[in-house]
PDB file of all heavy atoms in Angstrom:
ATOM      1  N   ARG A   1       0.829  -1.221   0.009  1.00  0.00           N
ATOM      2  CA  ARG A   1       0.002   0.015  -0.023  1.00  0.00           C
ATOM      3  C   ARG A   1       0.847   1.266   0.010  1.00  0.00           C
ATOM      4  O   ARG A   1       0.500   2.277  -0.602  1.00  0.00           O
ATOM      5  CB  ARG A   1      -0.909  -0.017   1.219  1.00  0.00           C
ATOM      6  CG  ARG A   1      -2.066  -0.984   1.124  1.00  0.00           C
ATOM      7  CD  ARG A   1      -2.957  -0.762  -0.104  1.00  0.00           C
ATOM      8  NE  ARG A   1      -4.249  -1.413  -0.007  1.00  0.00           N
ATOM      9  CZ  ARG A   1      -5.056  -1.600  -1.004  1.00  0.00           C
ATOM     10  NH1 ARG A   1      -4.738  -1.162  -2.198  1.00  0.00           N
ATOM     11  NH2 ARG A   1      -6.243  -2.189  -0.819  1.00  0.00           N
ATOM     12  N   CYS A   2       1.983   1.220   0.697  1.00  0.00           N
ATOM     13  CA  CYS A   2       2.875   2.393   0.703  1.00  0.00           C
ATOM     14  C   CYS A   2       3.432   2.646  -0.693  1.00  0.00           C
ATOM     15  O   CYS A   2       3.462   3.813  -1.129  1.00  0.00           O
ATOM     16  CB  CYS A   2       4.050   2.106   1.692  1.00  0.00           C
ATOM     17  SG  CYS A   2       5.194   3.538   1.843  1.00  0.00           S
ATOM     18  N   ASN A   3       3.872   1.599  -1.414  1.00  0.00           N
ATOM     19  CA  ASN A   3       4.372   1.776  -2.764  1.00  0.00           C
ATOM     20  C   ASN A   3       3.273   2.332  -3.661  1.00  0.00           C
ATOM     21  O   ASN A   3       3.457   3.239  -4.442  1.00  0.00           O
ATOM     22  CB  ASN A   3       4.852   0.452  -3.321  1.00  0.00           C
ATOM     23  CG  ASN A   3       6.195   0.000  -2.706  1.00  0.00           C
ATOM     24  OD1 ASN A   3       7.013   0.825  -2.362  1.00  0.00           O
ATOM     25  ND2 ASN A   3       6.332  -1.299  -2.506  1.00  0.00           N
ATOM     26  N   GLU A   4       2.063   1.749  -3.502  1.00  0.00           N
ATOM     27  CA  GLU A   4       0.951   2.103  -4.408  1.00  0.00           C
ATOM     28  C   GLU A   4       0.436   3.509  -4.110  1.00  0.00           C
ATOM     29  O   GLU A   4       0.229   4.275  -5.064  1.00  0.00           O
ATOM     30  CB  GLU A   4      -0.204   1.117  -4.138  1.00  0.00           C
ATOM     31  CG  GLU A   4      -1.461   1.443  -4.922  1.00  0.00           C
ATOM     32  CD  GLU A   4      -2.640   0.581  -4.466  1.00  0.00           C
ATOM     33  OE1 GLU A   4      -2.531  -0.171  -3.466  1.00  0.00           O
ATOM     34  OE2 GLU A   4      -3.692   0.706  -5.132  1.00  0.00           O
ATOM     35  N   ARG A   5       0.240   3.882  -2.882  1.00  0.00           N
ATOM     36  CA  ARG A   5      -0.495   5.084  -2.538  1.00  0.00           C
ATOM     37  C   ARG A   5       0.377   6.276  -2.192  1.00  0.00           C
ATOM     38  O   ARG A   5      -0.035   7.401  -2.242  1.00  0.00           O
ATOM     39  CB  ARG A   5      -1.457   4.804  -1.383  1.00  0.00           C
ATOM     40  CG  ARG A   5      -2.562   3.797  -1.751  1.00  0.00           C
ATOM     41  CD  ARG A   5      -3.351   3.474  -0.548  1.00  0.00           C
ATOM     42  NE  ARG A   5      -4.491   2.641  -0.893  1.00  0.00           N
ATOM     43  CZ  ARG A   5      -5.351   2.104  -0.019  1.00  0.00           C
ATOM     44  NH1 ARG A   5      -5.195   2.311   1.283  1.00  0.00           N
ATOM     45  NH2 ARG A   5      -6.339   1.340  -0.422  1.00  0.00           N
ATOM     46  N   VAL A   6       1.623   5.985  -1.732  1.00  0.00           N
ATOM     47  CA  VAL A   6       2.484   7.082  -1.294  1.00  0.00           C
ATOM     48  C   VAL A   6       3.634   7.304  -2.286  1.00  0.00           C
ATOM     49  O   VAL A   6       3.743   8.341  -2.946  1.00  0.00           O
ATOM     50  CB  VAL A   6       3.035   6.833   0.115  1.00  0.00           C
ATOM     51  CG1 VAL A   6       3.928   7.970   0.527  1.00  0.00           C
ATOM     52  CG2 VAL A   6       1.885   6.626   1.106  1.00  0.00           C
ATOM     53  N   LYS A   7       4.490   6.286  -2.475  1.00  0.00           N
ATOM     54  CA  LYS A   7       5.652   6.450  -3.309  1.00  0.00           C
ATOM     55  C   LYS A   7       5.336   6.592  -4.783  1.00  0.00           C
ATOM     56  O   LYS A   7       5.828   7.470  -5.478  1.00  0.00           O
ATOM     57  CB  LYS A   7       6.607   5.291  -3.094  1.00  0.00           C
ATOM     58  CG  LYS A   7       7.191   5.241  -1.674  1.00  0.00           C
ATOM     59  CD  LYS A   7       8.015   4.015  -1.473  1.00  0.00           C
ATOM     60  CE  LYS A   7       8.533   3.906  -0.047  1.00  0.00           C
ATOM     61  NZ  LYS A   7       9.269   2.644   0.231  1.00  0.00           N
ATOM     62  N   PHE A   8       4.417   5.748  -5.292  1.00  0.00           N
ATOM     63  CA  PHE A   8       4.140   5.769  -6.734  1.00  0.00           C
ATOM     64  C   PHE A   8       2.948   6.582  -7.112  1.00  0.00           C
ATOM     65  O   PHE A   8       2.496   6.615  -8.256  1.00  0.00           O
ATOM     66  CB  PHE A   8       3.962   4.343  -7.231  1.00  0.00           C
ATOM     67  CG  PHE A   8       5.245   3.533  -7.290  1.00  0.00           C
ATOM     68  CD1 PHE A   8       5.253   2.220  -7.713  1.00  0.00           C
ATOM     69  CD2 PHE A   8       6.479   4.123  -6.902  1.00  0.00           C
ATOM     70  CE1 PHE A   8       6.443   1.494  -7.705  1.00  0.00           C
ATOM     71  CE2 PHE A   8       7.630   3.377  -6.913  1.00  0.00           C
ATOM     72  CZ  PHE A   8       7.640   2.086  -7.329  1.00  0.00           C
ATOM     73  N   ARG A   9       2.390   7.297  -6.123  1.00  0.00           N
ATOM     74  CA  ARG A   9       1.297   8.237  -6.430  1.00  0.00           C
ATOM     75  C   ARG A   9       1.681   9.632  -5.991  1.00  0.00           C
ATOM     76  O   ARG A   9       1.927  10.510  -6.784  1.00  0.00           O
ATOM     77  CB  ARG A   9      -0.017   7.781  -5.757  1.00  0.00           C
ATOM     78  CG  ARG A   9      -1.214   8.681  -6.051  1.00  0.00           C
ATOM     79  CD  ARG A   9      -2.440   8.286  -5.288  1.00  0.00           C
ATOM     80  NE  ARG A   9      -2.894   6.930  -5.609  1.00  0.00           N
ATOM     81  CZ  ARG A   9      -3.853   6.282  -4.934  1.00  0.00           C
ATOM     82  NH1 ARG A   9      -4.465   6.870  -3.897  1.00  0.00           N
ATOM     83  NH2 ARG A   9      -4.183   5.064  -5.273  1.00  0.00           N
ATOM     84  N   GLU A  10       1.760   9.831  -4.679  1.00  0.00           N
ATOM     85  CA  GLU A  10       2.056  11.133  -4.158  1.00  0.00           C
ATOM     86  C   GLU A  10       3.425  11.632  -4.530  1.00  0.00           C
ATOM     87  O   GLU A  10       3.664  12.738  -5.031  1.00  0.00           O
ATOM     88  CB  GLU A  10       1.904  11.176  -2.631  1.00  0.00           C
ATOM     89  CG  GLU A  10       0.508  10.777  -2.125  1.00  0.00           C
ATOM     90  CD  GLU A  10      -0.509  11.868  -2.371  1.00  0.00           C
ATOM     91  OE1 GLU A  10      -0.113  13.054  -2.559  1.00  0.00           O
ATOM     92  OE2 GLU A  10      -1.719  11.582  -2.343  1.00  0.00           O
ATOM     93  N   LEU A  11       4.457  10.753  -4.290  1.00  0.00           N
ATOM     94  CA  LEU A  11       5.811  11.141  -4.593  1.00  0.00           C
ATOM     95  C   LEU A  11       6.064  11.271  -6.099  1.00  0.00           C
ATOM     96  O   LEU A  11       6.753  12.179  -6.563  1.00  0.00           O
ATOM     97  CB  LEU A  11       6.807  10.137  -3.998  1.00  0.00           C
ATOM     98  CG  LEU A  11       8.295  10.441  -4.268  1.00  0.00           C
ATOM     99  CD1 LEU A  11       8.702  11.833  -3.827  1.00  0.00           C
ATOM    100  CD2 LEU A  11       9.181   9.401  -3.599  1.00  0.00           C
ATOM    101  N   LEU A  12       5.447  10.404  -6.860  1.00  0.00           N
ATOM    102  CA  LEU A  12       5.579  10.446  -8.299  1.00  0.00           C
ATOM    103  C   LEU A  12       5.053  11.740  -8.861  1.00  0.00           C
ATOM    104  O   LEU A  12       5.640  12.370  -9.759  1.00  0.00           O
ATOM    105  CB  LEU A  12       4.916   9.244  -8.952  1.00  0.00           C
ATOM    106  CG  LEU A  12       5.174   8.994 -10.417  1.00  0.00           C
ATOM    107  CD1 LEU A  12       5.278   7.500 -10.732  1.00  0.00           C
ATOM    108  CD2 LEU A  12       4.062   9.585 -11.303  1.00  0.00           C
ATOM    109  N   GLU A  13       3.888  12.186  -8.310  1.00  0.00           N
ATOM    110  CA  GLU A  13       3.305  13.478  -8.758  1.00  0.00           C
ATOM    111  C   GLU A  13       4.222  14.623  -8.374  1.00  0.00           C
ATOM    112  O   GLU A  13       4.366  15.579  -9.126  1.00  0.00           O
ATOM    113  CB  GLU A  13       1.934  13.665  -8.102  1.00  0.00           C
ATOM    114  CG  GLU A  13       0.883  12.723  -8.670  1.00  0.00           C
ATOM    115  CD  GLU A  13      -0.455  12.913  -8.009  1.00  0.00           C
ATOM    116  OE1 GLU A  13      -0.553  13.752  -7.105  1.00  0.00           O
ATOM    117  OE2 GLU A  13      -1.440  12.196  -8.388  1.00  0.00           O
ATOM    118  N   THR A  14       4.904  14.549  -7.210  1.00  0.00           N
ATOM    119  CA  THR A  14       5.842  15.560  -6.827  1.00  0.00           C
ATOM    120  C   THR A  14       7.012  15.587  -7.818  1.00  0.00           C
ATOM    121  O   THR A  14       7.504  16.662  -8.189  1.00  0.00           O
ATOM    122  CB  THR A  14       6.373  15.302  -5.394  1.00  0.00           C
ATOM    123  OG1 THR A  14       5.266  15.369  -4.474  1.00  0.00           O
ATOM    124  CG2 THR A  14       7.415  16.304  -4.996  1.00  0.00           C
ATOM    125  N   ALA A  15       7.506  14.427  -8.226  1.00  0.00           N
ATOM    126  CA  ALA A  15       8.616  14.382  -9.196  1.00  0.00           C
ATOM    127  C   ALA A  15       8.199  15.040 -10.475  1.00  0.00           C
ATOM    128  O   ALA A  15       8.978  15.759 -11.103  1.00  0.00           O
ATOM    129  CB  ALA A  15       8.994  12.937  -9.430  1.00  0.00           C
ATOM    130  N   MET A  16       6.977  14.837 -10.944  1.00  0.00           N
ATOM    131  CA  MET A  16       6.517  15.458 -12.148  1.00  0.00           C
ATOM    132  C   MET A  16       6.420  16.976 -11.975  1.00  0.00           C
ATOM    133  O   MET A  16       6.731  17.761 -12.890  1.00  0.00           O
ATOM    134  CB  MET A  16       5.143  14.939 -12.536  1.00  0.00           C
ATOM    135  CG  MET A  16       5.157  13.471 -13.007  1.00  0.00           C
ATOM    136  SD  MET A  16       3.518  12.846 -13.504  1.00  0.00           S
ATOM    137  CE  MET A  16       3.945  11.267 -14.210  1.00  0.00           C
ATOM    138  N   ASP A  17       5.979  17.399 -10.768  1.00  0.00           N
ATOM    139  CA  ASP A  17       5.935  18.863 -10.507  1.00  0.00           C
ATOM    140  C   ASP A  17       7.292  19.497 -10.540  1.00  0.00           C
ATOM    141  O   ASP A  17       7.435  20.725 -10.800  1.00  0.00           O
ATOM    142  CB  ASP A  17       5.286  19.133  -9.143  1.00  0.00           C
ATOM    143  CG  ASP A  17       3.822  18.775  -9.122  1.00  0.00           C
ATOM    144  OD1 ASP A  17       3.168  18.728 -10.211  1.00  0.00           O
ATOM    145  OD2 ASP A  17       3.230  18.580  -8.032  1.00  0.00           O
ATOM    146  N   LEU A  18       8.355  18.717 -10.277  1.00  0.00           N
ATOM    147  CA  LEU A  18       9.710  19.201 -10.345  1.00  0.00           C
ATOM    148  C   LEU A  18      10.298  19.125 -11.739  1.00  0.00           C
ATOM    149  O   LEU A  18      11.513  19.334 -11.938  1.00  0.00           O
ATOM    150  CB  LEU A  18      10.583  18.380  -9.376  1.00  0.00           C
ATOM    151  CG  LEU A  18      10.303  18.565  -7.861  1.00  0.00           C
ATOM    152  CD1 LEU A  18      11.120  17.586  -7.031  1.00  0.00           C
ATOM    153  CD2 LEU A  18      10.635  20.016  -7.462  1.00  0.00           C
ATOM    154  N   ASP A  19       9.446  18.824 -12.725  1.00  0.00           N
ATOM    155  CA  ASP A  19       9.861  18.778 -14.134  1.00  0.00           C
ATOM    156  C   ASP A  19      10.904  17.631 -14.372  1.00  0.00           C
ATOM    157  O   ASP A  19      11.767  17.734 -15.233  1.00  0.00           O
ATOM    158  CB  ASP A  19      10.441  20.072 -14.641  1.00  0.00           C
ATOM    159  CG  ASP A  19       9.372  21.146 -14.701  1.00  0.00           C
ATOM    160  OD1 ASP A  19       8.206  20.820 -15.033  1.00  0.00           O
ATOM    161  OD2 ASP A  19       9.685  22.338 -14.455  1.00  0.00           O
ATOM    162  N   ALA A  20      10.790  16.585 -13.553  1.00  0.00           N
ATOM    163  CA  ALA A  20      11.675  15.444 -13.753  1.00  0.00           C
ATOM    164  C   ALA A  20      11.274  14.679 -15.005  1.00  0.00           C
ATOM    165  O   ALA A  20      10.104  14.604 -15.358  1.00  0.00           O
ATOM    166  CB  ALA A  20      11.664  14.507 -12.512  1.00  0.00           C
ATOM    167  N   ASP A  21      12.266  14.078 -15.662  1.00  0.00           N
ATOM    168  CA  ASP A  21      11.974  13.200 -16.790  1.00  0.00           C
ATOM    169  C   ASP A  21      11.512  11.813 -16.316  1.00  0.00           C
ATOM    170  O   ASP A  21      10.778  11.112 -17.023  1.00  0.00           O
ATOM    171  CB  ASP A  21      13.218  13.079 -17.661  1.00  0.00           C
ATOM    172  CG  ASP A  21      13.578  14.396 -18.350  1.00  0.00           C
ATOM    173  OD1 ASP A  21      12.913  14.724 -19.341  1.00  0.00           O
ATOM    174  OD2 ASP A  21      14.542  15.045 -17.855  1.00  0.00           O
ATOM    175  N   CYS A  22      11.966  11.430 -15.143  1.00  0.00           N
ATOM    176  CA  CYS A  22      11.599  10.118 -14.622  1.00  0.00           C
ATOM    177  C   CYS A  22      11.866  10.118 -13.119  1.00  0.00           C
ATOM    178  O   CYS A  22      12.516  10.996 -12.579  1.00  0.00           O
ATOM    179  CB  CYS A  22      12.328   8.990 -15.309  1.00  0.00           C
ATOM    180  SG  CYS A  22      14.122   9.034 -15.029  1.00  0.00           S
ATOM    181  N   MET A  23      11.386   9.042 -12.439  1.00  0.00           N
ATOM    182  CA  MET A  23      11.719   8.820 -11.044  1.00  0.00           C
ATOM    183  C   MET A  23      12.325   7.435 -10.923  1.00  0.00           C
ATOM    184  O   MET A  23      11.846   6.421 -11.478  1.00  0.00           O
ATOM    185  CB  MET A  23      10.446   8.879 -10.157  1.00  0.00           C
ATOM    186  CG  MET A  23      10.764   8.754  -8.678  1.00  0.00           C
ATOM    187  SD  MET A  23       9.320   9.063  -7.618  1.00  0.00           S
ATOM    188  CE  MET A  23       8.646   7.398  -7.538  1.00  0.00           C
ATOM    189  N   ALA A  24      13.483   7.360 -10.215  1.00  0.00           N
ATOM    190  CA  ALA A  24      14.167   6.063 -10.004  1.00  0.00           C
ATOM    191  C   ALA A  24      14.077   5.653  -8.568  1.00  0.00           C
ATOM    192  O   ALA A  24      14.056   6.480  -7.632  1.00  0.00           O
ATOM    193  CB  ALA A  24      15.629   6.251 -10.436  1.00  0.00           C
ATOM    194  N   THR A  25      13.966   4.334  -8.348  1.00  0.00           N
ATOM    195  CA  THR A  25      13.918   3.793  -7.008  1.00  0.00           C
ATOM    196  C   THR A  25      14.930   2.666  -6.882  1.00  0.00           C
ATOM    197  O   THR A  25      15.492   2.202  -7.878  1.00  0.00           O
ATOM    198  CB  THR A  25      12.538   3.233  -6.647  1.00  0.00           C
ATOM    199  OG1 THR A  25      12.342   1.934  -7.262  1.00  0.00           O
ATOM    200  CG2 THR A  25      11.413   4.168  -7.122  1.00  0.00           C
ATOM    201  N   GLY A  26      15.136   2.173  -5.641  1.00  0.00           N
ATOM    202  CA  GLY A  26      16.085   1.084  -5.387  1.00  0.00           C
ATOM    203  C   GLY A  26      15.466  -0.238  -5.353  1.00  0.00           C
ATOM    204  O   GLY A  26      16.029  -1.194  -4.865  1.00  0.00           O
ATOM    205  N   HIS A  27      14.244  -0.404  -5.918  1.00  0.00           N
ATOM    206  CA  HIS A  27      13.573  -1.708  -5.937  1.00  0.00           C
ATOM    207  C   HIS A  27      14.297  -2.678  -6.863  1.00  0.00           C
ATOM    208  O   HIS A  27      14.751  -2.300  -7.946  1.00  0.00           O
ATOM    209  CB  HIS A  27      12.123  -1.542  -6.376  1.00  0.00           C
ATOM    210  CG  HIS A  27      11.236  -0.865  -5.360  1.00  0.00           C
ATOM    211  ND1 HIS A  27      10.855   0.440  -5.477  1.00  0.00           N
ATOM    212  CD2 HIS A  27      10.720  -1.333  -4.181  1.00  0.00           C
ATOM    213  CE1 HIS A  27      10.123   0.795  -4.423  1.00  0.00           C
ATOM    214  NE2 HIS A  27      10.016  -0.270  -3.663  1.00  0.00           N
ATOM    215  N   TYR A  28      14.241  -3.943  -6.518  1.00  0.00           N
ATOM    216  CA  TYR A  28      14.822  -5.017  -7.341  1.00  0.00           C
ATOM    217  C   TYR A  28      13.708  -5.581  -8.248  1.00  0.00           C
ATOM    218  O   TYR A  28      13.130  -6.626  -7.957  1.00  0.00           O
ATOM    219  CB  TYR A  28      15.442  -6.071  -6.505  1.00  0.00           C
ATOM    220  CG  TYR A  28      16.766  -5.648  -5.903  1.00  0.00           C
ATOM    221  CD1 TYR A  28      16.825  -4.950  -4.667  1.00  0.00           C
ATOM    222  CD2 TYR A  28      17.996  -5.943  -6.532  1.00  0.00           C
ATOM    223  CE1 TYR A  28      18.009  -4.547  -4.155  1.00  0.00           C
ATOM    224  CE2 TYR A  28      19.223  -5.511  -5.947  1.00  0.00           C
ATOM    225  CZ  TYR A  28      19.203  -4.855  -4.785  1.00  0.00           C
ATOM    226  OH  TYR A  28      20.408  -4.460  -4.243  1.00  0.00           O
ATOM    227  N   VAL A  29      13.408  -4.875  -9.272  1.00  0.00           N
ATOM    228  CA  VAL A  29      12.501  -5.289 -10.345  1.00  0.00           C
ATOM    229  C   VAL A  29      13.064  -4.676 -11.649  1.00  0.00           C
ATOM    230  O   VAL A  29      13.984  -3.886 -11.597  1.00  0.00           O
ATOM    231  CB  VAL A  29      11.061  -4.794 -10.159  1.00  0.00           C
ATOM    232  CG1 VAL A  29      10.409  -5.486  -8.955  1.00  0.00           C
ATOM    233  CG2 VAL A  29      11.011  -3.304 -10.005  1.00  0.00           C
ATOM    234  N   ARG A  30      12.485  -5.090 -12.785  1.00  0.00           N
ATOM    235  CA  ARG A  30      12.935  -4.577 -14.059  1.00  0.00           C
ATOM    236  C   ARG A  30      11.793  -3.979 -14.837  1.00  0.00           C
ATOM    237  O   ARG A  30      10.672  -4.509 -14.810  1.00  0.00           O
ATOM    238  CB  ARG A  30      13.646  -5.642 -14.851  1.00  0.00           C
ATOM    239  CG  ARG A  30      15.001  -6.035 -14.332  1.00  0.00           C
ATOM    240  CD  ARG A  30      15.655  -7.067 -15.212  1.00  0.00           C
ATOM    241  NE  ARG A  30      14.925  -8.312 -15.244  1.00  0.00           N
ATOM    242  CZ  ARG A  30      14.819  -9.150 -16.282  1.00  0.00           C
ATOM    243  NH1 ARG A  30      15.381  -8.836 -17.439  1.00  0.00           N
ATOM    244  NH2 ARG A  30      14.132 -10.236 -16.207  1.00  0.00           N
ATOM    245  N   ARG A  31      12.095  -2.910 -15.559  1.00  0.00           N
ATOM    246  CA  ARG A  31      11.153  -2.293 -16.519  1.00  0.00           C
ATOM    247  C   ARG A  31      11.703  -2.627 -17.890  1.00  0.00           C
ATOM    248  O   ARG A  31      12.803  -2.234 -18.227  1.00  0.00           O
ATOM    249  CB  ARG A  31      11.116  -0.765 -16.310  1.00  0.00           C
ATOM    250  CG  ARG A  31      10.330  -0.013 -17.313  1.00  0.00           C
ATOM    251  CD  ARG A  31      10.552   1.471 -17.034  1.00  0.00           C
ATOM    252  NE  ARG A  31       9.808   2.334 -17.948  1.00  0.00           N
ATOM    253  CZ  ARG A  31      10.260   2.754 -19.102  1.00  0.00           C
ATOM    254  NH1 ARG A  31      11.469   2.341 -19.559  1.00  0.00           N
ATOM    255  NH2 ARG A  31       9.540   3.515 -19.869  1.00  0.00           N
ATOM    256  N   VAL A  32      10.931  -3.388 -18.661  1.00  0.00           N
ATOM    257  CA  VAL A  32      11.388  -3.832 -19.968  1.00  0.00           C
ATOM    258  C   VAL A  32      10.393  -3.326 -21.040  1.00  0.00           C
ATOM    259  O   VAL A  32       9.203  -3.425 -20.863  1.00  0.00           O
ATOM    260  CB  VAL A  32      11.416  -5.376 -20.043  1.00  0.00           C
ATOM    261  CG1 VAL A  32      11.795  -5.858 -21.446  1.00  0.00           C
ATOM    262  CG2 VAL A  32      12.364  -5.938 -18.999  1.00  0.00           C
ATOM    263  N   LEU A  33      10.944  -2.723 -22.104  1.00  0.00           N
ATOM    264  CA  LEU A  33      10.099  -2.241 -23.146  1.00  0.00           C
ATOM    265  C   LEU A  33       9.643  -3.390 -24.036  1.00  0.00           C
ATOM    266  O   LEU A  33      10.398  -4.103 -24.612  1.00  0.00           O
ATOM    267  CB  LEU A  33      10.865  -1.174 -24.004  1.00  0.00           C
ATOM    268  CG  LEU A  33      11.072   0.162 -23.354  1.00  0.00           C
ATOM    269  CD1 LEU A  33      11.889   1.077 -24.273  1.00  0.00           C
ATOM    270  CD2 LEU A  33       9.732   0.841 -23.043  1.00  0.00           C
ATOM    271  N   GLY A  34       8.303  -3.527 -24.141  1.00  0.00           N
ATOM    272  CA  GLY A  34       7.718  -4.558 -24.978  1.00  0.00           C
ATOM    273  C   GLY A  34       7.007  -3.935 -26.150  1.00  0.00           C
ATOM    274  O   GLY A  34       7.008  -2.690 -26.334  1.00  0.00           O
TER     275      GLY A  34
END
């Protein structure tokens, strides 16, 4: 729930407000372009 509702919602919106191109985290998963 923290990842879903706080980090990837509230914080992600803050990153966008800062004109970031992306947000990076230390999670061990992969994002693969399909």
